PDB file of all heavy atoms in Angstrom:
ATOM      1  N   ASP A   1       0.853  -1.192   0.000  1.00  0.00           N
ATOM      2  CA  ASP A   1       0.000   0.000   0.000  1.00  0.00           C
ATOM      3  C   ASP A   1       0.879   1.229   0.000  1.00  0.00           C
ATOM      4  O   ASP A   1       1.788   1.363   0.829  1.00  0.00           O
ATOM      5  CB  ASP A   1      -0.902  -0.010   1.239  1.00  0.00           C
ATOM      6  CG  ASP A   1      -1.845   1.182   1.278  1.00  0.00           C
ATOM      7  OD1 ASP A   1      -2.282   1.634   0.202  1.00  0.00           O
ATOM      8  OD2 ASP A   1      -2.130   1.681   2.387  1.00  0.00           O
ATOM      9  N   ALA A   2       0.623   2.140  -0.936  1.00  0.00           N
ATOM     10  CA  ALA A   2       1.354   3.416  -1.024  1.00  0.00           C
ATOM     11  C   ALA A   2       2.859   3.191  -1.073  1.00  0.00           C
ATOM     12  O   ALA A   2       3.635   3.939  -0.470  1.00  0.00           O
ATOM     13  CB  ALA A   2       0.986   4.314   0.149  1.00  0.00           C
ATOM     14  N   GLY A   3       3.294   2.166  -1.771  1.00  0.00           N
ATOM     15  CA  GLY A   3       4.720   1.919  -1.946  1.00  0.00           C
ATOM     16  C   GLY A   3       5.381   1.186  -0.810  1.00  0.00           C
ATOM     17  O   GLY A   3       6.592   0.932  -0.858  1.00  0.00           O
ATOM     18  N   ALA A   4       4.642   0.841   0.253  1.00  0.00           N
ATOM     19  CA  ALA A   4       5.212   0.143   1.409  1.00  0.00           C
ATOM     20  C   ALA A   4       4.728  -1.300   1.442  1.00  0.00           C
ATOM     21  O   ALA A   4       3.592  -1.598   1.059  1.00  0.00           O
ATOM     22  CB  ALA A   4       4.829   0.859   2.702  1.00  0.00           C
ATOM     23  N   LEU A   5       5.588  -2.191   1.917  1.00  0.00           N
ATOM     24  CA  LEU A   5       5.249  -3.592   2.121  1.00  0.00           C
ATOM     25  C   LEU A   5       5.038  -3.816   3.610  1.00  0.00           C
ATOM     26  O   LEU A   5       5.955  -3.623   4.414  1.00  0.00           O
ATOM     27  CB  LEU A   5       6.376  -4.489   1.606  1.00  0.00           C
ATOM     28  CG  LEU A   5       6.220  -5.996   1.828  1.00  0.00           C
ATOM     29  CD1 LEU A   5       5.024  -6.519   1.043  1.00  0.00           C
ATOM     30  CD2 LEU A   5       7.489  -6.738   1.426  1.00  0.00           C
ATOM     31  N   LYS A   6       3.824  -4.219   3.996  1.00  0.00           N
ATOM     32  CA  LYS A   6       3.483  -4.356   5.405  1.00  0.00           C
ATOM     33  C   LYS A   6       3.217  -5.819   5.755  1.00  0.00           C
ATOM     34  O   LYS A   6       2.645  -6.563   4.963  1.00  0.00           O
ATOM     35  CB  LYS A   6       2.242  -3.517   5.736  1.00  0.00           C
ATOM     36  CG  LYS A   6       2.395  -2.035   5.411  1.00  0.00           C
ATOM     37  CD  LYS A   6       1.091  -1.287   5.636  1.00  0.00           C
ATOM     38  CE  LYS A   6       1.225   0.183   5.239  1.00  0.00           C
ATOM     39  NZ  LYS A   6      -0.055   0.923   5.418  1.00  0.00           N
ATOM     40  N   PHE A   7       3.636  -6.215   6.990  1.00  0.00           N
ATOM     41  CA  PHE A   7       3.349  -7.546   7.511  1.00  0.00           C
ATOM     42  C   PHE A   7       2.210  -7.410   8.505  1.00  0.00           C
ATOM     43  O   PHE A   7       2.316  -6.668   9.476  1.00  0.00           O
ATOM     44  CB  PHE A   7       4.559  -8.147   8.229  1.00  0.00           C
ATOM     45  CG  PHE A   7       5.889  -7.830   7.584  1.00  0.00           C
ATOM     46  CD1 PHE A   7       6.909  -7.257   8.324  1.00  0.00           C
ATOM     47  CD2 PHE A   7       6.110  -8.095   6.249  1.00  0.00           C
ATOM     48  CE1 PHE A   7       8.130  -6.958   7.747  1.00  0.00           C
ATOM     49  CE2 PHE A   7       7.321  -7.809   5.663  1.00  0.00           C
ATOM     50  CZ  PHE A   7       8.346  -7.231   6.406  1.00  0.00           C
ATOM     51  N   GLU A   8       1.145  -8.136   8.275  1.00  0.00           N
ATOM     52  CA  GLU A   8      -0.020  -8.036   9.154  1.00  0.00           C
ATOM     53  C   GLU A   8      -0.409  -9.426   9.646  1.00  0.00           C
ATOM     54  O   GLU A   8      -0.704 -10.323   8.855  1.00  0.00           O
ATOM     55  CB  GLU A   8      -1.193  -7.390   8.407  1.00  0.00           C
ATOM     56  CG  GLU A   8      -0.887  -5.970   7.931  1.00  0.00           C
ATOM     57  CD  GLU A   8      -2.032  -5.354   7.140  1.00  0.00           C
ATOM     58  OE1 GLU A   8      -2.929  -6.114   6.716  1.00  0.00           O
ATOM     59  OE2 GLU A   8      -2.031  -4.131   6.954  1.00  0.00           O
ATOM     60  N   GLY A   9      -0.379  -9.606  10.961  1.00  0.00           N
ATOM     61  CA  GLY A   9      -0.795 -10.875  11.563  1.00  0.00           C
ATOM     62  C   GLY A   9       0.049 -12.055  11.165  1.00  0.00           C
ATOM     63  O   GLY A   9      -0.443 -13.191  11.125  1.00  0.00           O
ATOM     64  N   VAL A  10       1.328 -11.827  10.884  1.00  0.00           N
ATOM     65  CA  VAL A  10       2.203 -12.928  10.473  1.00  0.00           C
ATOM     66  C   VAL A  10       2.664 -13.700  11.714  1.00  0.00           C
ATOM     67  O   VAL A  10       3.175 -13.114  12.673  1.00  0.00           O
ATOM     68  CB  VAL A  10       3.420 -12.401   9.691  1.00  0.00           C
ATOM     69  CG1 VAL A  10       4.355 -13.546   9.326  1.00  0.00           C
ATOM     70  CG2 VAL A  10       2.965 -11.677   8.426  1.00  0.00           C
ATOM     71  N   ARG A  11       2.477 -14.994  11.708  1.00  0.00           N
ATOM     72  CA  ARG A  11       2.855 -15.838  12.836  1.00  0.00           C
ATOM     73  C   ARG A  11       3.441 -17.139  12.318  1.00  0.00           C
ATOM     74  O   ARG A  11       3.216 -17.547  11.168  1.00  0.00           O
ATOM     75  CB  ARG A  11       1.641 -16.156  13.716  1.00  0.00           C
ATOM     76  CG  ARG A  11       0.549 -16.942  12.990  1.00  0.00           C
ATOM     77  CD  ARG A  11      -0.407 -17.635  13.932  1.00  0.00           C
ATOM     78  NE  ARG A  11       0.273 -18.565  14.809  1.00  0.00           N
ATOM     79  CZ  ARG A  11       0.655 -19.793  14.453  1.00  0.00           C
ATOM     80  NH1 ARG A  11       0.415 -20.230  13.209  1.00  0.00           N
ATOM     81  NH2 ARG A  11       1.257 -20.580  15.305  1.00  0.00           N
ATOM     82  N   ALA A  12       4.227 -17.810  13.191  1.00  0.00           N
ATOM     83  CA  ALA A  12       4.814 -19.096  12.840  1.00  0.00           C
ATOM     84  C   ALA A  12       5.055 -19.898  14.105  1.00  0.00           C
ATOM     85  O   ALA A  12       5.457 -19.341  15.144  1.00  0.00           O
ATOM     86  CB  ALA A  12       6.127 -18.896  12.090  1.00  0.00           C
ATOM     87  N   GLY A  13       4.816 -21.193  14.026  1.00  0.00           N
ATOM     88  CA  GLY A  13       5.158 -22.079  15.121  1.00  0.00           C
ATOM     89  C   GLY A  13       6.616 -22.480  15.030  1.00  0.00           C
ATOM     90  O   GLY A  13       7.130 -22.752  13.946  1.00  0.00           O
ATOM     91  N   LEU A  14       7.320 -22.498  16.192  1.00  0.00           N
ATOM     92  CA  LEU A  14       8.740 -22.803  16.225  1.00  0.00           C
ATOM     93  C   LEU A  14       9.042 -24.113  16.945  1.00  0.00           C
ATOM     94  O   LEU A  14      10.181 -24.398  17.288  1.00  0.00           O
ATOM     95  CB  LEU A  14       9.508 -21.648  16.894  1.00  0.00           C
ATOM     96  CG  LEU A  14       9.323 -20.272  16.249  1.00  0.00           C
ATOM     97  CD1 LEU A  14      10.113 -19.217  17.008  1.00  0.00           C
ATOM     98  CD2 LEU A  14       9.728 -20.293  14.783  1.00  0.00           C
ATOM     99  N   GLY A  15       8.011 -24.911  17.199  1.00  0.00           N
ATOM    100  CA  GLY A  15       8.208 -26.213  17.828  1.00  0.00           C
ATOM    101  C   GLY A  15       8.107 -26.169  19.327  1.00  0.00           C
ATOM    102  O   GLY A  15       8.422 -25.156  19.972  1.00  0.00           O
ATOM    103  N   ASN A  16       7.634 -27.271  19.916  1.00  0.00           N
ATOM    104  CA  ASN A  16       7.531 -27.407  21.377  1.00  0.00           C
ATOM    105  C   ASN A  16       6.731 -26.274  22.009  1.00  0.00           C
ATOM    106  O   ASN A  16       7.084 -25.752  23.062  1.00  0.00           O
ATOM    107  CB  ASN A  16       8.931 -27.475  22.009  1.00  0.00           C
ATOM    108  CG  ASN A  16       9.713 -28.698  21.564  1.00  0.00           C
ATOM    109  OD1 ASN A  16       9.154 -29.787  21.444  1.00  0.00           O
ATOM    110  ND2 ASN A  16      10.999 -28.510  21.300  1.00  0.00           N
ATOM    111  N   GLY A  17       5.662 -25.879  21.343  1.00  0.00           N
ATOM    112  CA  GLY A  17       4.788 -24.860  21.899  1.00  0.00           C
ATOM    113  C   GLY A  17       5.255 -23.438  21.706  1.00  0.00           C
ATOM    114  O   GLY A  17       4.596 -22.491  22.148  1.00  0.00           O
ATOM    115  N   SER A  18       6.390 -23.229  21.042  1.00  0.00           N
ATOM    116  CA  SER A  18       6.909 -21.878  20.825  1.00  0.00           C
ATOM    117  C   SER A  18       6.240 -21.245  19.607  1.00  0.00           C
ATOM    118  O   SER A  18       5.909 -21.932  18.638  1.00  0.00           O
ATOM    119  CB  SER A  18       8.421 -21.913  20.618  1.00  0.00           C
ATOM    120  OG  SER A  18       8.935 -20.629  20.366  1.00  0.00           O
ATOM    121  N   GLU A  19       6.052 -19.939  19.657  1.00  0.00           N
ATOM    122  CA  GLU A  19       5.396 -19.226  18.562  1.00  0.00           C
ATOM    123  C   GLU A  19       6.028 -17.852  18.392  1.00  0.00           C
ATOM    124  O   GLU A  19       6.440 -17.219  19.369  1.00  0.00           O
ATOM    125  CB  GLU A  19       3.903 -19.073  18.847  1.00  0.00           C
ATOM    126  CG  GLU A  19       3.131 -18.414  17.714  1.00  0.00           C
ATOM    127  CD  GLU A  19       1.650 -18.287  18.015  1.00  0.00           C
ATOM    128  OE1 GLU A  19       1.309 -17.559  18.972  1.00  0.00           O
ATOM    129  OE2 GLU A  19       0.847 -18.908  17.303  1.00  0.00           O
ATOM    130  N   ALA A  20       6.115 -17.403  17.135  1.00  0.00           N
ATOM    131  CA  ALA A  20       6.630 -16.068  16.819  1.00  0.00           C
ATOM    132  C   ALA A  20       5.560 -15.286  16.071  1.00  0.00           C
ATOM    133  O   ALA A  20       4.851 -15.835  15.228  1.00  0.00           O
ATOM    134  CB  ALA A  20       7.891 -16.168  15.966  1.00  0.00           C
ATOM    135  N   LYS A  21       5.452 -14.000  16.417  1.00  0.00           N
ATOM    136  CA  LYS A  21       4.536 -13.094  15.729  1.00  0.00           C
ATOM    137  C   LYS A  21       5.313 -11.844  15.330  1.00  0.00           C
ATOM    138  O   LYS A  21       6.131 -11.337  16.094  1.00  0.00           O
ATOM    139  CB  LYS A  21       3.367 -12.712  16.626  1.00  0.00           C
ATOM    140  CG  LYS A  21       2.464 -13.874  17.020  1.00  0.00           C
ATOM    141  CD  LYS A  21       1.320 -13.406  17.905  1.00  0.00           C
ATOM    142  CE  LYS A  21       0.404 -14.569  18.292  1.00  0.00           C
ATOM    143  NZ  LYS A  21      -0.705 -14.123  19.168  1.00  0.00           N
ATOM    144  N   ILE A  22       5.029 -11.358  14.109  1.00  0.00           N
ATOM    145  CA  ILE A  22       5.712 -10.161  13.627  1.00  0.00           C
ATOM    146  C   ILE A  22       4.721  -9.254  12.927  1.00  0.00           C
ATOM    147  O   ILE A  22       3.819  -9.715  12.218  1.00  0.00           O
ATOM    148  CB  ILE A  22       6.887 -10.528  12.684  1.00  0.00           C
ATOM    149  CG1 ILE A  22       7.693  -9.283  12.318  1.00  0.00           C
ATOM    150  CG2 ILE A  22       6.400 -11.244  11.439  1.00  0.00           C
ATOM    151  CD1 ILE A  22       8.989  -9.582  11.597  1.00  0.00           C
ATOM    152  N   SER A  23       4.886  -7.958  13.149  1.00  0.00           N
ATOM    153  CA  SER A  23       4.087  -6.944  12.461  1.00  0.00           C
ATOM    154  C   SER A  23       5.005  -5.768  12.151  1.00  0.00           C
ATOM    155  O   SER A  23       5.982  -5.520  12.860  1.00  0.00           O
ATOM    156  CB  SER A  23       2.910  -6.489  13.332  1.00  0.00           C
ATOM    157  OG  SER A  23       3.382  -5.907  14.541  1.00  0.00           O
ATOM    158  N   GLY A  24       4.704  -5.068  11.080  1.00  0.00           N
ATOM    159  CA  GLY A  24       5.551  -3.943  10.681  1.00  0.00           C
ATOM    160  C   GLY A  24       5.593  -3.844   9.177  1.00  0.00           C
ATOM    161  O   GLY A  24       4.619  -4.181   8.493  1.00  0.00           O
ATOM    162  N   GLY A  25       6.734  -3.414   8.659  1.00  0.00           N
ATOM    163  CA  GLY A  25       6.824  -3.300   7.217  1.00  0.00           C
ATOM    164  C   GLY A  25       8.140  -2.750   6.724  1.00  0.00           C
ATOM    165  O   GLY A  25       9.034  -2.390   7.503  1.00  0.00           O
ATOM    166  N   VAL A  26       8.244  -2.686   5.393  1.00  0.00           N
ATOM    167  CA  VAL A  26       9.424  -2.170   4.708  1.00  0.00           C
ATOM    168  C   VAL A  26       8.979  -1.016   3.811  1.00  0.00           C
ATOM    169  O   VAL A  26       8.033  -1.152   3.030  1.00  0.00           O
ATOM    170  CB  VAL A  26      10.106  -3.267   3.854  1.00  0.00           C
ATOM    171  CG1 VAL A  26      11.292  -2.691   3.090  1.00  0.00           C
ATOM    172  CG2 VAL A  26      10.545  -4.426   4.735  1.00  0.00           C
ATOM    173  N   THR A  27       9.645   0.120   3.948  1.00  0.00           N
ATOM    174  CA  THR A  27       9.372   1.274   3.094  1.00  0.00           C
ATOM    175  C   THR A  27      10.550   1.495   2.155  1.00  0.00           C
ATOM    176  O   THR A  27      11.645   0.967   2.368  1.00  0.00           O
ATOM    177  CB  THR A  27       9.131   2.533   3.934  1.00  0.00           C
ATOM    178  OG1 THR A  27      10.268   2.771   4.781  1.00  0.00           O
ATOM    179  CG2 THR A  27       7.888   2.361   4.805  1.00  0.00           C
ATOM    180  N   PHE A  28      10.318   2.301   1.136  1.00  0.00           N
ATOM    181  CA  PHE A  28      11.358   2.568   0.142  1.00  0.00           C
ATOM    182  C   PHE A  28      11.423   4.066  -0.118  1.00  0.00           C
ATOM    183  O   PHE A  28      10.426   4.695  -0.461  1.00  0.00           O
ATOM    184  CB  PHE A  28      11.058   1.827  -1.169  1.00  0.00           C
ATOM    185  CG  PHE A  28      12.158   1.937  -2.196  1.00  0.00           C
ATOM    186  CD1 PHE A  28      13.188   1.022  -2.217  1.00  0.00           C
ATOM    187  CD2 PHE A  28      12.151   2.958  -3.140  1.00  0.00           C
ATOM    188  CE1 PHE A  28      14.203   1.112  -3.158  1.00  0.00           C
ATOM    189  CE2 PHE A  28      13.153   3.060  -4.079  1.00  0.00           C
ATOM    190  CZ  PHE A  28      14.187   2.129  -4.091  1.00  0.00           C
ATOM    191  N   ASP A  29      12.622   4.652   0.060  1.00  0.00           N
ATOM    192  CA  ASP A  29      12.866   6.070  -0.187  1.00  0.00           C
ATOM    193  C   ASP A  29      13.875   6.186  -1.320  1.00  0.00           C
ATOM    194  O   ASP A  29      15.068   5.896  -1.145  1.00  0.00           O
ATOM    195  CB  ASP A  29      13.396   6.744   1.077  1.00  0.00           C
ATOM    196  CG  ASP A  29      13.636   8.248   0.884  1.00  0.00           C
ATOM    197  OD1 ASP A  29      13.426   8.754  -0.243  1.00  0.00           O
ATOM    198  OD2 ASP A  29      14.033   8.906   1.863  1.00  0.00           O
TER     199      ASP A  29
END
């Protein structure tokens, strides 16, 4: 959106009950 790449609700299981969540994005100038 508007030239930016955004991460929304991204999650991943890392084994043995571990979980990672990331939100944010990459902009370009």
